[in-house]
């Protein structure tokens, strides 16, 4: 659609070209270029899909990281369905009617004009190819008066206790397939706390399409047992089960003596996250060979029973653009007791997006829950302070969050509250946070063995704390890369990770030291972590690891 593609070099910036050219060229004297090219980058360009410390994320995001999102014809204006600017009228029913009409029409754009529109309900996008578009985040505001506890009900944790799952789930703008949203809401109201991912509330809504033969991480093609139910363009779920020795979890951690000696069996929350489920679209089919639109995230071994399966129907091709979601003034709740003044959530979505959207005075900002291949661009979290500015969980993969801002809170943090940051957990993998301005928060790896994620070209006042239950297992799996990070308050925690994350890369971070929350590595022995160009500030080239991978 006119965006970045893998055809030609029109999408390459001068900065990307410079970084890639330097990496691939014969070493040149320092005086001939600005910045330094680390050995890790030179290694990566030789083996981009299988490097032990740096993941390949060059296809992360909606439509493989396209620069432009699809432009759908305008099919509805919310005023034509009864929306009225101002705080006297609840416009949520009218907005939802307009969205439903667009869905029935097969897709299209629903516009909201400049102004403030009160909403007393969740705004739901549940049909493919529907875009909700305001006039810009500085011109169109949705003013939310109620929280998810009021609108849907109390949402307890499936792991027990008194925690509110609205502390990490749901949004007052909620993108999810209609049937999936209906089933989640029904389960919550019945207090039958659901799993939230791609295979239903009980994780049993799937069937095998075909077995997949062994293959290596980084392969773009696999051989399957039969093709009768596979077609180009189909979205399938790659499913990998763990074995009794937990060798899949060890593989996600880089393998070796440390993960082999780790106590996996008592990490019951982590064990509930496997099988690993990775959505991917089929690009080509030839004979028994299936080519995927992204390379394999892990090895496929017989003991993990690799297979392509069905899944709950995805939401695809939909987005939210150009608006601010403002909450009614309310204090931040105590930690893990959020009522659900939450911003925008994407759940069971694929190739969806959010662009030029701000949320203010939220409990939680932007959420990816079992969401894959989505892009959040030019998003902003501000106001009184929040629990999770961004959360990425329940097996969310290949997402891109770029040009994001977490503003400094406008009021002091109340007692018994917690601030995280750019969160990732629950076996989520190959996600990218790029070009960020974090005026508070931290790089929150929230246990649950997330692996192969990238944070690059980010400025952070590193004053948040990570969370995560002990039963959720390690903070990090293998192939975390922190590349060109500017820490304004000198705190190392969860940014300089060479002493914490196995098979990781910390490159181009200014001088930092440990204070406040200090962690010990989950795995013993040599972590095989790499540290380069430390301490430096903006010295590493390429400057942005994701953009440079796009340019390869």
Protein backbone atom coordinates (compact mmCIF):
# COMPACT_ATOMS: atom_id res chain seq x y z
CA UNK A 1 0.00 0.00 0.00
CA UNK A 2 2.84 2.37 -0.75
CA UNK A 3 4.66 1.66 2.53
CA UNK A 4 7.92 0.00 3.41
CA UNK A 5 8.16 -3.29 1.61
CA UNK A 6 10.92 -5.74 0.88
CA UNK A 7 11.00 -4.67 -2.78
CA UNK A 8 13.49 -2.03 -3.71
CA UNK A 9 15.23 0.52 -1.53
CA UNK A 10 12.72 3.36 -1.59
CA UNK A 11 11.93 2.83 2.09
CA UNK A 12 15.51 3.18 3.31
CA UNK A 13 16.50 6.28 5.18
CA UNK A 14 19.94 7.83 4.81
CA UNK A 15 20.66 6.82 8.41
CA UNK A 16 19.67 3.22 7.76
CA UNK A 17 21.72 3.04 4.59
CA UNK A 18 24.73 4.49 6.35
CA UNK A 19 24.49 2.02 9.22
CA UNK A 20 24.03 -0.97 6.93
CA UNK A 21 26.76 0.06 4.54
CA UNK A 22 29.24 0.53 7.36
CA UNK A 23 28.36 -2.83 8.79
CA UNK A 24 28.85 -4.66 5.53
CA UNK A 25 31.91 -2.81 4.34
CA UNK A 26 35.58 -3.31 5.07
CA UNK A 27 36.46 -1.52 8.34
CA UNK A 28 37.29 2.13 7.77
CA UNK A 29 39.16 4.63 9.93
CA UNK A 30 37.13 6.26 12.69
CA UNK A 31 37.65 9.68 11.17
CA UNK A 32 35.66 8.69 8.09
CA UNK A 33 32.37 8.24 9.89
CA UNK A 34 30.53 9.38 12.98
CA UNK A 35 29.92 6.80 15.66
CA UNK A 36 31.17 3.29 16.09
CA UNK A 37 30.03 0.00 14.58
CA UNK A 38 30.15 -2.79 17.18
CA UNK A 39 31.38 -6.25 16.35
CA UNK A 40 27.93 -7.57 17.24
CA UNK A 41 26.41 -5.73 14.29
CA UNK A 42 29.03 -7.05 11.88
CA UNK A 43 28.33 -10.57 13.14
CA UNK A 44 24.59 -10.08 12.83
CA UNK A 45 24.76 -9.01 9.19
CA UNK A 46 26.45 -12.33 8.39
CA UNK A 47 23.83 -14.47 10.21
CA UNK A 48 20.78 -12.24 10.72
CA UNK A 49 18.23 -15.01 11.31
CA UNK A 50 20.28 -17.15 13.70
CA UNK A 51 22.46 -14.79 15.69
CA UNK A 52 22.73 -16.03 19.30
CA UNK A 53 22.32 -12.65 21.01
CA UNK A 54 20.32 -10.45 18.61
CA UNK A 55 16.90 -11.48 17.28
CA UNK A 56 15.79 -10.75 13.73
CA UNK A 57 12.90 -8.29 14.05
CA UNK A 58 13.07 -6.73 10.60
CA UNK A 59 9.52 -7.91 9.82
CA UNK A 60 7.90 -6.80 13.09
CA UNK A 61 4.73 -4.77 12.91
CA UNK A 62 1.58 -4.51 10.81
CA UNK A 63 2.10 -5.79 7.27
CA UNK A 64 5.73 -6.54 8.00
CA UNK A 65 6.41 -3.05 9.33
CA UNK A 66 4.80 -1.03 6.54
CA UNK A 67 5.33 2.73 6.86
CA UNK A 68 1.77 3.52 5.76
CA UNK A 69 -1.40 1.94 7.01
CA UNK A 70 -4.25 1.04 4.65
CA UNK A 71 -6.58 3.93 3.82
CA UNK A 72 -10.13 2.70 3.84
CA UNK A 73 -12.99 4.71 2.31
CA UNK A 74 -15.14 6.66 4.74
CA UNK A 75 -18.42 4.82 5.22
CA UNK A 76 -19.82 6.49 8.33
CA UNK A 77 -19.65 9.63 10.43
CA UNK A 78 -20.54 9.07 14.07
CA UNK A 79 -22.84 12.11 14.00
CA UNK A 80 -25.02 10.36 11.43
CA UNK A 81 -25.64 7.65 14.02
CA UNK A 82 -26.50 10.06 16.84
CA UNK A 83 -23.18 11.15 18.36
CA UNK A 84 -23.26 14.67 19.78
CA UNK A 85 -20.22 16.68 20.82
CA UNK A 86 -20.13 17.82 24.43
CA UNK A 87 -20.42 16.21 27.86
CA UNK A 88 -24.23 16.22 28.09
CA UNK A 89 -24.79 13.20 25.81
CA UNK A 90 -23.37 9.66 25.93
CA UNK A 91 -22.04 9.11 22.40
CA UNK A 92 -20.78 5.55 22.95
CA UNK A 93 -23.93 3.87 21.54
CA UNK A 94 -23.76 6.03 18.41
CA UNK A 95 -20.04 5.37 17.90
CA UNK A 96 -20.57 1.64 18.32
CA UNK A 97 -23.53 1.71 15.90
CA UNK A 98 -21.35 3.44 13.30
CA UNK A 99 -18.57 0.87 13.80
CA UNK A 100 -21.05 -2.00 13.48
CA UNK A 101 -22.47 -0.49 10.30
CA UNK A 102 -18.96 -0.30 8.83
CA UNK A 103 -18.42 -3.93 9.76
CA UNK A 104 -21.63 -5.00 8.05
CA UNK A 105 -20.54 -3.08 4.96
CA UNK A 106 -17.36 -5.15 4.77
CA UNK A 107 -15.11 -2.51 6.32
CA UNK A 108 -14.33 1.16 5.97
CA UNK A 109 -13.46 4.23 8.00
CA UNK A 110 -15.68 5.68 10.71
CA UNK A 111 -14.88 9.34 11.34
CA UNK A 112 -15.21 11.39 14.50
CA UNK A 113 -15.02 15.15 13.97
CA UNK A 114 -13.12 17.59 16.18
CA UNK A 115 -14.57 18.06 19.64
CA UNK A 116 -15.11 16.24 22.93
CA UNK A 117 -17.49 13.27 22.94
CA UNK A 118 -18.60 11.62 26.18
CA UNK A 119 -18.56 7.82 26.25
CA UNK A 120 -20.20 5.76 29.00
CA UNK A 121 -19.33 2.36 27.50
CA UNK A 122 -16.55 0.40 25.83
CA UNK A 123 -15.88 1.32 22.19
CA UNK A 124 -15.65 -2.04 20.43
CA UNK A 125 -14.00 -2.78 17.09
CA UNK A 126 -14.76 -6.40 16.25
CA UNK A 127 -14.99 -6.54 12.44
CA UNK A 128 -12.13 -6.74 9.95
CA UNK A 129 -10.96 -3.70 7.98
CA UNK A 130 -12.73 -1.14 10.17
CA UNK A 131 -10.85 2.03 11.11
CA UNK A 132 -12.03 4.47 13.78
CA UNK A 133 -10.48 7.84 12.89
CA UNK A 134 -10.63 11.13 14.76
CA UNK A 135 -9.43 14.46 13.43
CA UNK A 136 -6.11 14.13 15.30
CA UNK A 137 -5.06 13.45 18.87
CA UNK A 138 -5.05 17.18 19.54
CA UNK A 139 -8.53 17.76 18.09
CA UNK A 140 -10.80 14.77 18.86
CA UNK A 141 -11.30 13.58 22.43
CA UNK A 142 -13.35 10.71 23.80
CA UNK A 143 -14.16 11.43 27.46
CA UNK A 144 -14.68 8.16 29.35
CA UNK A 145 -16.83 8.31 32.49
CA UNK A 146 -16.86 4.65 33.58
CA UNK A 147 -14.36 1.87 34.14
CA UNK A 148 -14.33 -1.77 33.06
CA UNK A 149 -15.39 -3.03 36.49
CA UNK A 150 -18.56 -0.92 36.23
CA UNK A 151 -19.20 -1.83 32.60
CA UNK A 152 -18.33 -5.54 32.55
CA UNK A 153 -17.79 -6.66 36.13
CA UNK A 154 -15.16 -7.68 38.64
CA UNK A 155 -12.38 -9.59 36.87
CA UNK A 156 -10.42 -11.90 39.16
CA UNK A 157 -7.18 -13.67 38.36
CA UNK A 158 -7.26 -17.23 37.03
CA UNK A 159 -4.31 -17.90 39.37
CA UNK A 160 -6.31 -17.04 42.49
CA UNK A 161 -6.00 -14.31 45.07
CA UNK A 162 -7.65 -10.91 45.23
CA UNK A 163 -5.94 -9.24 42.27
CA UNK A 164 -7.95 -7.46 39.60
CA UNK A 165 -7.17 -8.66 36.08
CA UNK A 166 -8.17 -5.20 34.86
CA UNK A 167 -4.68 -4.36 36.09
CA UNK A 168 -3.31 -5.95 32.91
CA UNK A 169 -6.23 -6.59 30.56
CA UNK A 170 -8.87 -4.81 28.52
CA UNK A 171 -9.39 -1.29 27.25
CA UNK A 172 -12.15 1.27 26.92
CA UNK A 173 -11.29 1.12 23.23
CA UNK A 174 -11.03 -2.61 22.64
CA UNK A 175 -10.04 -4.24 19.35
CA UNK A 176 -10.89 -7.94 19.37
CA UNK A 177 -12.84 -10.33 17.13
CA UNK A 178 -16.49 -10.00 18.01
CA UNK A 179 -16.96 -13.65 18.98
CA UNK A 180 -13.81 -13.61 21.10
CA UNK A 181 -14.89 -10.45 22.93
CA UNK A 182 -18.34 -11.91 23.58
CA UNK A 183 -16.86 -15.11 25.03
CA UNK A 184 -14.43 -13.21 27.26
CA UNK A 185 -17.14 -10.94 28.64
CA UNK A 186 -19.47 -13.88 29.26
CA UNK A 187 -16.74 -15.74 31.17
CA UNK A 188 -15.86 -12.68 33.27
CA UNK A 189 -19.49 -12.08 34.20
CA UNK A 190 -19.81 -15.75 35.14
CA UNK A 191 -16.62 -15.42 37.23
CA UNK A 192 -15.10 -18.26 35.24
CA UNK A 193 -11.79 -16.49 34.77
CA UNK A 194 -10.63 -17.21 31.21
CA UNK A 195 -7.39 -17.70 29.37
CA UNK A 196 -7.18 -14.75 27.01
CA UNK A 197 -5.25 -16.08 24.02
CA UNK A 198 -5.62 -17.51 20.56
CA UNK A 199 -7.25 -20.81 21.52
CA UNK A 200 -10.16 -19.71 23.66
CA UNK A 201 -11.13 -19.36 27.31
CA UNK A 202 -10.08 -22.93 28.10
CA UNK A 203 -7.30 -23.10 25.47
CA UNK A 204 -9.15 -25.93 23.78
CA UNK A 205 -10.65 -24.23 20.72
CA UNK A 206 -8.24 -25.55 18.14
CA UNK A 207 -7.63 -28.52 15.91
CA UNK A 208 -4.60 -29.79 14.07
CA UNK A 209 -4.17 -28.75 10.44
CA UNK A 210 -0.96 -30.70 9.84
CA UNK A 211 2.18 -31.91 11.55
CA UNK A 212 5.34 -29.93 10.74
CA UNK A 213 8.71 -31.56 10.13
CA UNK A 214 11.82 -30.57 12.15
CA UNK A 215 13.39 -27.25 11.15
CA UNK A 216 15.84 -24.68 12.49
CA UNK A 217 15.19 -21.27 13.98
CA UNK A 218 15.46 -18.64 11.25
CA UNK A 219 14.10 -20.84 8.46
CA UNK A 220 11.46 -19.20 6.28
CA UNK A 221 10.11 -22.49 4.92
CA UNK A 222 9.00 -25.75 6.51
CA UNK A 223 7.82 -29.10 5.24
CA UNK A 224 4.46 -30.38 6.40
CA UNK A 225 2.75 -33.77 6.43
CA UNK A 226 -0.08 -32.66 4.14
CA UNK A 227 -1.42 -29.47 2.58
CA UNK A 228 -5.13 -30.11 2.26
CA UNK A 229 -6.10 -27.35 4.69
CA UNK A 230 -3.35 -24.81 3.99
CA UNK A 231 -3.65 -21.95 1.50
CA UNK A 232 -1.51 -18.90 0.73
CA UNK A 233 -2.73 -15.97 2.79
CA UNK A 234 -4.10 -18.16 5.59
CA UNK A 235 -3.24 -17.28 9.16
CA UNK A 236 -2.22 -20.40 11.07
CA UNK A 237 -0.97 -21.07 14.56
CA UNK A 238 2.41 -22.74 14.99
CA UNK A 239 2.08 -24.76 18.18
CA UNK A 240 5.01 -26.16 20.16
CA UNK A 241 4.43 -28.28 23.27
CA UNK A 242 7.02 -28.66 26.01
CA UNK A 243 8.35 -32.07 27.04
CA UNK A 244 8.74 -33.47 30.59
CA UNK A 245 12.35 -32.28 30.76
CA UNK A 246 11.26 -28.75 29.75
CA UNK A 247 13.71 -28.64 26.88
CA UNK A 248 11.50 -26.15 25.00
CA UNK A 249 11.78 -23.66 27.86
CA UNK A 250 15.52 -24.31 27.99
CA UNK A 251 15.74 -23.60 24.25
CA UNK A 252 13.87 -20.31 24.73
CA UNK A 253 16.52 -19.47 27.32
CA UNK A 254 19.46 -20.20 25.01
CA UNK A 255 20.19 -23.69 26.28
CA UNK A 256 23.26 -24.87 28.17
CA UNK A 257 24.01 -25.77 31.80
CA UNK A 258 22.22 -22.78 33.37
CA UNK A 259 18.75 -23.43 31.92
CA UNK A 260 19.27 -27.19 32.28
CA UNK A 261 19.81 -26.79 36.03
CA UNK A 262 16.97 -24.31 36.54
CA UNK A 263 13.96 -25.44 38.58
CA UNK A 264 11.13 -25.31 36.04
CA UNK A 265 8.67 -27.68 37.65
CA UNK A 266 7.53 -25.34 40.43
CA UNK A 267 6.94 -22.39 38.07
CA UNK A 268 3.28 -23.23 37.67
CA UNK A 269 2.24 -19.91 36.15
CA UNK A 270 4.96 -20.18 33.50
CA UNK A 271 3.99 -23.76 32.73
CA UNK A 272 0.43 -22.60 32.04
CA UNK A 273 1.79 -20.48 29.14
CA UNK A 274 2.96 -23.47 27.11
CA UNK A 275 2.33 -24.77 24.50
CA UNK A 276 3.94 -21.84 22.72
CA UNK A 277 1.54 -20.44 20.10
CA UNK A 278 2.86 -18.27 17.26
CA UNK A 279 0.46 -16.87 14.63
CA UNK A 280 1.91 -16.51 11.16
CA UNK A 281 0.54 -16.01 7.68
CA UNK A 282 1.38 -18.44 4.88
CA UNK A 283 3.13 -16.73 1.97
CA UNK A 284 3.55 -19.63 -0.51
CA UNK A 285 2.78 -23.32 -0.83
CA UNK A 286 4.71 -25.63 -3.13
CA UNK A 287 4.60 -29.39 -2.88
CA UNK A 288 4.87 -30.10 0.85
CA UNK A 289 6.87 -26.93 1.45
CA UNK A 290 5.20 -23.99 3.13
CA UNK A 291 6.89 -20.57 3.07
CA UNK A 292 6.02 -18.18 5.89
CA UNK A 293 5.97 -14.39 5.97
CA UNK A 294 8.44 -14.39 8.88
CA UNK A 295 11.31 -16.71 9.82
CA UNK A 296 10.78 -19.36 12.48
CA UNK A 297 11.18 -17.98 16.01
CA UNK A 298 12.53 -21.26 17.43
CA UNK A 299 13.81 -24.63 16.38
CA UNK A 300 11.15 -27.23 15.58
CA UNK A 301 12.06 -30.54 17.20
CA UNK A 302 10.08 -33.80 17.17
CA UNK A 303 9.86 -33.92 20.97
CA UNK A 304 7.87 -30.66 20.92
CA UNK A 305 5.23 -32.03 18.52
CA UNK A 306 5.36 -29.08 16.08
CA UNK A 307 2.11 -28.55 14.21
CA UNK A 308 0.02 -25.96 12.45
CA UNK A 309 -3.38 -25.58 14.06
CA UNK A 310 -6.55 -23.56 13.84
CA UNK A 311 -7.31 -20.77 16.31
CA UNK A 312 -10.12 -18.43 17.25
CA UNK A 313 -10.91 -16.14 14.35
CA UNK A 314 -8.54 -13.18 14.30
CA UNK A 315 -9.33 -9.50 13.85
CA UNK A 316 -7.30 -8.16 10.95
CA UNK A 317 -6.92 -4.94 9.00
CA UNK A 318 -8.49 -2.68 11.64
CA UNK A 319 -7.16 0.37 13.42
CA UNK A 320 -7.67 3.43 15.61
CA UNK A 321 -6.28 6.80 14.57
CA UNK A 322 -6.17 10.45 15.50
CA UNK A 323 -7.83 10.83 18.88
CA UNK A 324 -7.29 11.26 22.62
CA UNK A 325 -8.97 9.01 25.16
CA UNK A 326 -9.40 11.01 28.38
CA UNK A 327 -10.62 9.43 31.64
CA UNK A 328 -12.85 11.17 34.13
CA UNK A 329 -10.68 12.39 37.03
CA UNK A 330 -10.11 9.58 39.53
CA UNK A 331 -7.16 8.61 41.76
CA UNK A 332 -4.84 5.77 40.77
CA UNK A 333 -5.85 2.53 42.48
CA UNK A 334 -3.61 0.52 44.83
CA UNK A 335 -1.29 -1.94 43.08
CA UNK A 336 -3.11 -4.83 41.37
CA UNK A 337 -6.54 -3.46 42.27
CA UNK A 338 -7.12 -1.40 39.13
CA UNK A 339 -10.77 -0.76 38.30
CA UNK A 340 -10.11 -0.62 34.57
CA UNK A 341 -9.80 2.97 33.45
CA UNK A 342 -7.74 1.47 30.66
CA UNK A 343 -6.84 2.92 27.27
CA UNK A 344 -6.59 0.89 24.05
CA UNK A 345 -6.35 -2.92 24.02
CA UNK A 346 -5.63 -5.17 21.04
CA UNK A 347 -6.54 -8.81 21.61
CA UNK A 348 -6.37 -11.71 19.14
CA UNK A 349 -5.50 -9.15 16.47
CA UNK A 350 -3.17 -9.55 13.51
CA UNK A 351 -2.07 -6.77 11.11
CA UNK A 352 -3.92 -4.11 13.10
CA UNK A 353 -2.66 -0.70 14.21
CA UNK A 354 -3.00 2.36 16.43
CA UNK A 355 -1.68 5.70 15.13
CA UNK A 356 -1.62 9.20 16.65
CA UNK A 357 -3.55 8.21 19.75
CA UNK A 358 -3.05 9.59 23.27
CA UNK A 359 -4.51 8.29 26.52
CA UNK A 360 -4.70 10.35 29.71
CA UNK A 361 -5.38 9.61 33.38
CA UNK A 362 -5.54 5.87 32.71
CA UNK A 363 -4.91 2.89 34.96
CA UNK A 364 -3.19 1.16 32.03
CA UNK A 365 -2.36 2.72 28.69
CA UNK A 366 -1.94 0.51 25.61
CA UNK A 367 -2.24 -3.27 25.77
CA UNK A 368 -1.24 -6.14 23.49
CA UNK A 369 -2.89 -9.37 24.67
CA UNK A 370 -2.33 -12.36 22.40
CA UNK A 371 -1.80 -9.76 19.67
CA UNK A 372 0.67 -10.27 16.86
CA UNK A 373 2.07 -8.32 13.91
CA UNK A 374 0.48 -5.06 15.03
CA UNK A 375 1.92 -1.55 15.09
CA UNK A 376 1.46 1.18 17.68
CA UNK A 377 2.83 4.40 16.22
CA UNK A 378 2.87 7.94 17.65
CA UNK A 379 1.15 6.86 20.86
CA UNK A 380 1.33 8.82 24.12
CA UNK A 381 0.46 8.09 27.75
CA UNK A 382 0.02 11.04 30.11
CA UNK A 383 -1.84 12.51 33.04
CA UNK A 384 -2.01 11.50 36.68
CA UNK A 385 0.18 8.41 36.40
CA UNK A 386 -0.58 4.80 35.60
CA UNK A 387 0.24 1.19 36.46
CA UNK A 388 1.27 -0.15 33.03
CA UNK A 389 1.84 2.54 30.40
CA UNK A 390 2.27 -0.32 27.88
CA UNK A 391 1.66 -4.03 28.44
CA UNK A 392 2.55 -6.89 26.10
CA UNK A 393 1.52 -10.30 27.32
CA UNK A 394 -0.27 -13.62 26.84
CA UNK A 395 1.95 -14.69 23.94
CA UNK A 396 2.09 -11.48 21.89
CA UNK A 397 4.62 -11.61 19.08
CA UNK A 398 6.17 -9.56 16.25
CA UNK A 399 4.63 -6.25 17.32
CA UNK A 400 6.16 -2.81 16.74
CA UNK A 401 5.77 0.10 19.17
CA UNK A 402 7.51 3.16 17.71
CA UNK A 403 7.62 6.91 18.29
CA UNK A 404 6.02 6.46 21.70
CA UNK A 405 5.97 8.80 24.70
CA UNK A 406 5.38 8.20 28.40
CA UNK A 407 4.91 11.59 29.99
CA UNK A 408 5.94 12.51 33.52
CA UNK A 409 3.02 12.17 35.90
CA UNK A 410 1.11 15.33 36.77
CA UNK A 411 0.49 14.43 40.44
CA UNK A 412 2.61 12.56 43.00
CA UNK A 413 2.17 8.80 43.05
CA UNK A 414 -0.30 7.72 45.75
CA UNK A 415 0.86 5.25 48.39
CA UNK A 416 0.61 1.54 47.52
CA UNK A 417 0.68 2.17 43.76
CA UNK A 418 3.20 0.85 41.28
CA UNK A 419 4.70 2.13 38.03
CA UNK A 420 6.07 -0.26 35.43
CA UNK A 421 6.87 0.91 31.88
CA UNK A 422 7.22 -0.93 28.58
CA UNK A 423 6.13 -4.35 29.77
CA UNK A 424 6.68 -7.73 28.14
CA UNK A 425 5.84 -11.12 29.63
CA UNK A 426 4.17 -14.48 29.10
CA UNK A 427 6.41 -16.03 26.39
CA UNK A 428 5.97 -12.92 24.23
CA UNK A 429 8.68 -12.72 21.58
CA UNK A 430 10.13 -10.67 18.70
CA UNK A 431 8.48 -7.42 19.80
CA UNK A 432 10.17 -4.05 19.21
CA UNK A 433 10.09 -0.76 21.11
CA UNK A 434 11.72 1.91 18.94
CA UNK A 435 12.29 5.67 19.18
CA UNK A 436 10.79 6.18 22.62
CA UNK A 437 10.68 9.09 25.04
CA UNK A 438 10.10 7.64 28.52
CA UNK A 439 9.98 10.44 31.04
CA UNK A 440 9.20 7.82 33.67
CA UNK A 441 8.98 4.03 33.89
CA UNK A 442 11.38 1.22 33.13
CA UNK A 443 12.07 -1.63 30.70
CA UNK A 444 9.65 -3.92 32.47
CA UNK A 445 10.35 -7.59 31.81
CA UNK A 446 7.59 -9.04 33.95
CA UNK A 447 8.77 -12.64 34.21
CA UNK A 448 7.00 -15.35 32.24
CA UNK A 449 10.13 -15.93 30.11
CA UNK A 450 9.74 -13.34 27.36
CA UNK A 451 12.50 -13.80 24.79
CA UNK A 452 13.95 -12.28 21.61
CA UNK A 453 12.65 -8.73 22.14
CA UNK A 454 14.34 -5.44 21.14
CA UNK A 455 14.36 -1.98 22.75
CA UNK A 456 16.23 0.56 20.67
CA UNK A 457 16.84 4.31 20.37
CA UNK A 458 15.04 5.20 23.60
CA UNK A 459 15.55 7.88 26.23
CA UNK A 460 14.37 6.82 29.69
CA UNK A 461 14.25 8.33 33.15
CA UNK A 462 14.58 4.87 34.68
CA UNK A 463 12.41 5.25 37.79
CA UNK A 464 9.88 2.42 37.48
CA UNK A 465 9.96 -1.11 38.83
CA UNK A 466 9.30 -4.45 37.23
CA UNK A 467 6.83 -6.98 38.60
CA UNK A 468 5.95 -10.60 38.06
CA UNK A 469 5.08 -13.57 40.26
CA UNK A 470 7.92 -15.86 41.31
CA UNK A 471 5.88 -18.78 39.89
CA UNK A 472 6.03 -17.07 36.47
CA UNK A 473 9.69 -18.03 36.09
CA UNK A 474 12.62 -16.11 34.60
CA UNK A 475 12.70 -12.41 33.80
CA UNK A 476 14.38 -13.05 30.46
CA UNK A 477 14.84 -15.73 27.89
CA UNK A 478 17.49 -15.51 25.19
CA UNK A 479 18.13 -12.82 22.57
CA UNK A 480 17.05 -9.65 24.34
CA UNK A 481 18.74 -6.65 22.73
CA UNK A 482 18.98 -3.18 24.28
CA UNK A 483 20.57 -0.94 21.66
CA UNK A 484 21.29 2.79 21.97
CA UNK A 485 19.54 3.64 25.23
CA UNK A 486 19.99 6.96 26.97
CA UNK A 487 19.33 6.69 30.72
CA UNK A 488 18.84 10.16 32.21
CA UNK A 489 19.03 9.23 35.91
CA UNK A 490 21.97 6.80 35.77
CA UNK A 491 20.06 3.71 36.93
CA UNK A 492 21.07 0.39 35.42
CA UNK A 493 18.06 -1.69 36.44
CA UNK A 494 16.58 -3.69 33.54
CA UNK A 495 18.40 -1.57 30.94
CA UNK A 496 21.98 -2.82 31.30
CA UNK A 497 21.17 -6.53 31.27
CA UNK A 498 24.50 -8.25 30.57
CA UNK A 499 24.45 -9.62 34.14
CA UNK A 500 20.81 -10.76 34.01
CA UNK A 501 19.65 -11.93 30.58
CA UNK A 502 21.09 -15.05 28.91
CA UNK A 503 22.46 -14.71 25.38
CA UNK A 504 21.59 -10.99 25.42
CA UNK A 505 23.10 -7.81 23.96
CA UNK A 506 23.50 -4.47 25.71
CA UNK A 507 24.98 -2.02 23.20
CA UNK A 508 25.47 1.73 23.36
CA UNK A 509 24.22 2.58 26.86
CA UNK A 510 25.55 5.55 28.83
CA UNK A 511 27.19 4.99 32.23
CA UNK A 512 24.74 3.59 34.79
CA UNK A 513 24.88 2.01 38.22
CA UNK A 514 22.69 -0.33 40.25
CA UNK A 515 20.26 1.15 42.76
CA UNK A 516 16.65 0.72 43.90
CA UNK A 517 15.31 -2.62 42.64
CA UNK A 518 18.31 -4.93 42.10
CA UNK A 519 17.89 -8.39 40.60
CA UNK A 520 20.04 -11.49 40.46
CA UNK A 521 20.23 -13.68 37.34
CA UNK A 522 17.79 -16.56 37.11
CA UNK A 523 20.35 -18.87 35.51
CA UNK A 524 23.73 -19.87 36.93
CA UNK A 525 27.01 -20.07 35.06
CA UNK A 526 28.06 -18.14 31.98
CA UNK A 527 25.13 -16.16 30.62
CA UNK A 528 26.85 -15.68 27.23
CA UNK A 529 25.68 -12.07 27.33
CA UNK A 530 27.46 -9.34 25.35
CA UNK A 531 28.21 -5.75 26.35
CA UNK A 532 29.61 -3.33 23.76
CA UNK A 533 30.15 0.42 23.48
CA UNK A 534 29.57 0.89 27.18
CA UNK A 535 29.55 3.59 28.41
CA UNK A 536 28.69 5.73 25.40
CA UNK A 537 25.85 8.03 24.40
CA UNK A 538 24.51 7.91 20.84
CA UNK A 539 27.83 6.54 19.63
CA UNK A 540 26.65 3.21 18.24
CA UNK A 541 26.01 2.84 14.51
CA UNK A 542 23.55 1.84 13.30
CA UNK A 543 21.70 4.04 15.75
CA UNK A 544 18.40 2.15 15.57
CA UNK A 545 18.64 -1.63 15.51
CA UNK A 546 15.16 -2.20 14.09
CA UNK A 547 15.51 0.31 11.26
CA UNK A 548 18.91 -1.13 10.35
CA UNK A 549 17.44 -4.63 10.17
CA UNK A 550 14.72 -3.31 7.87
CA UNK A 551 17.46 -2.06 5.59
CA UNK A 552 19.32 -5.35 5.25
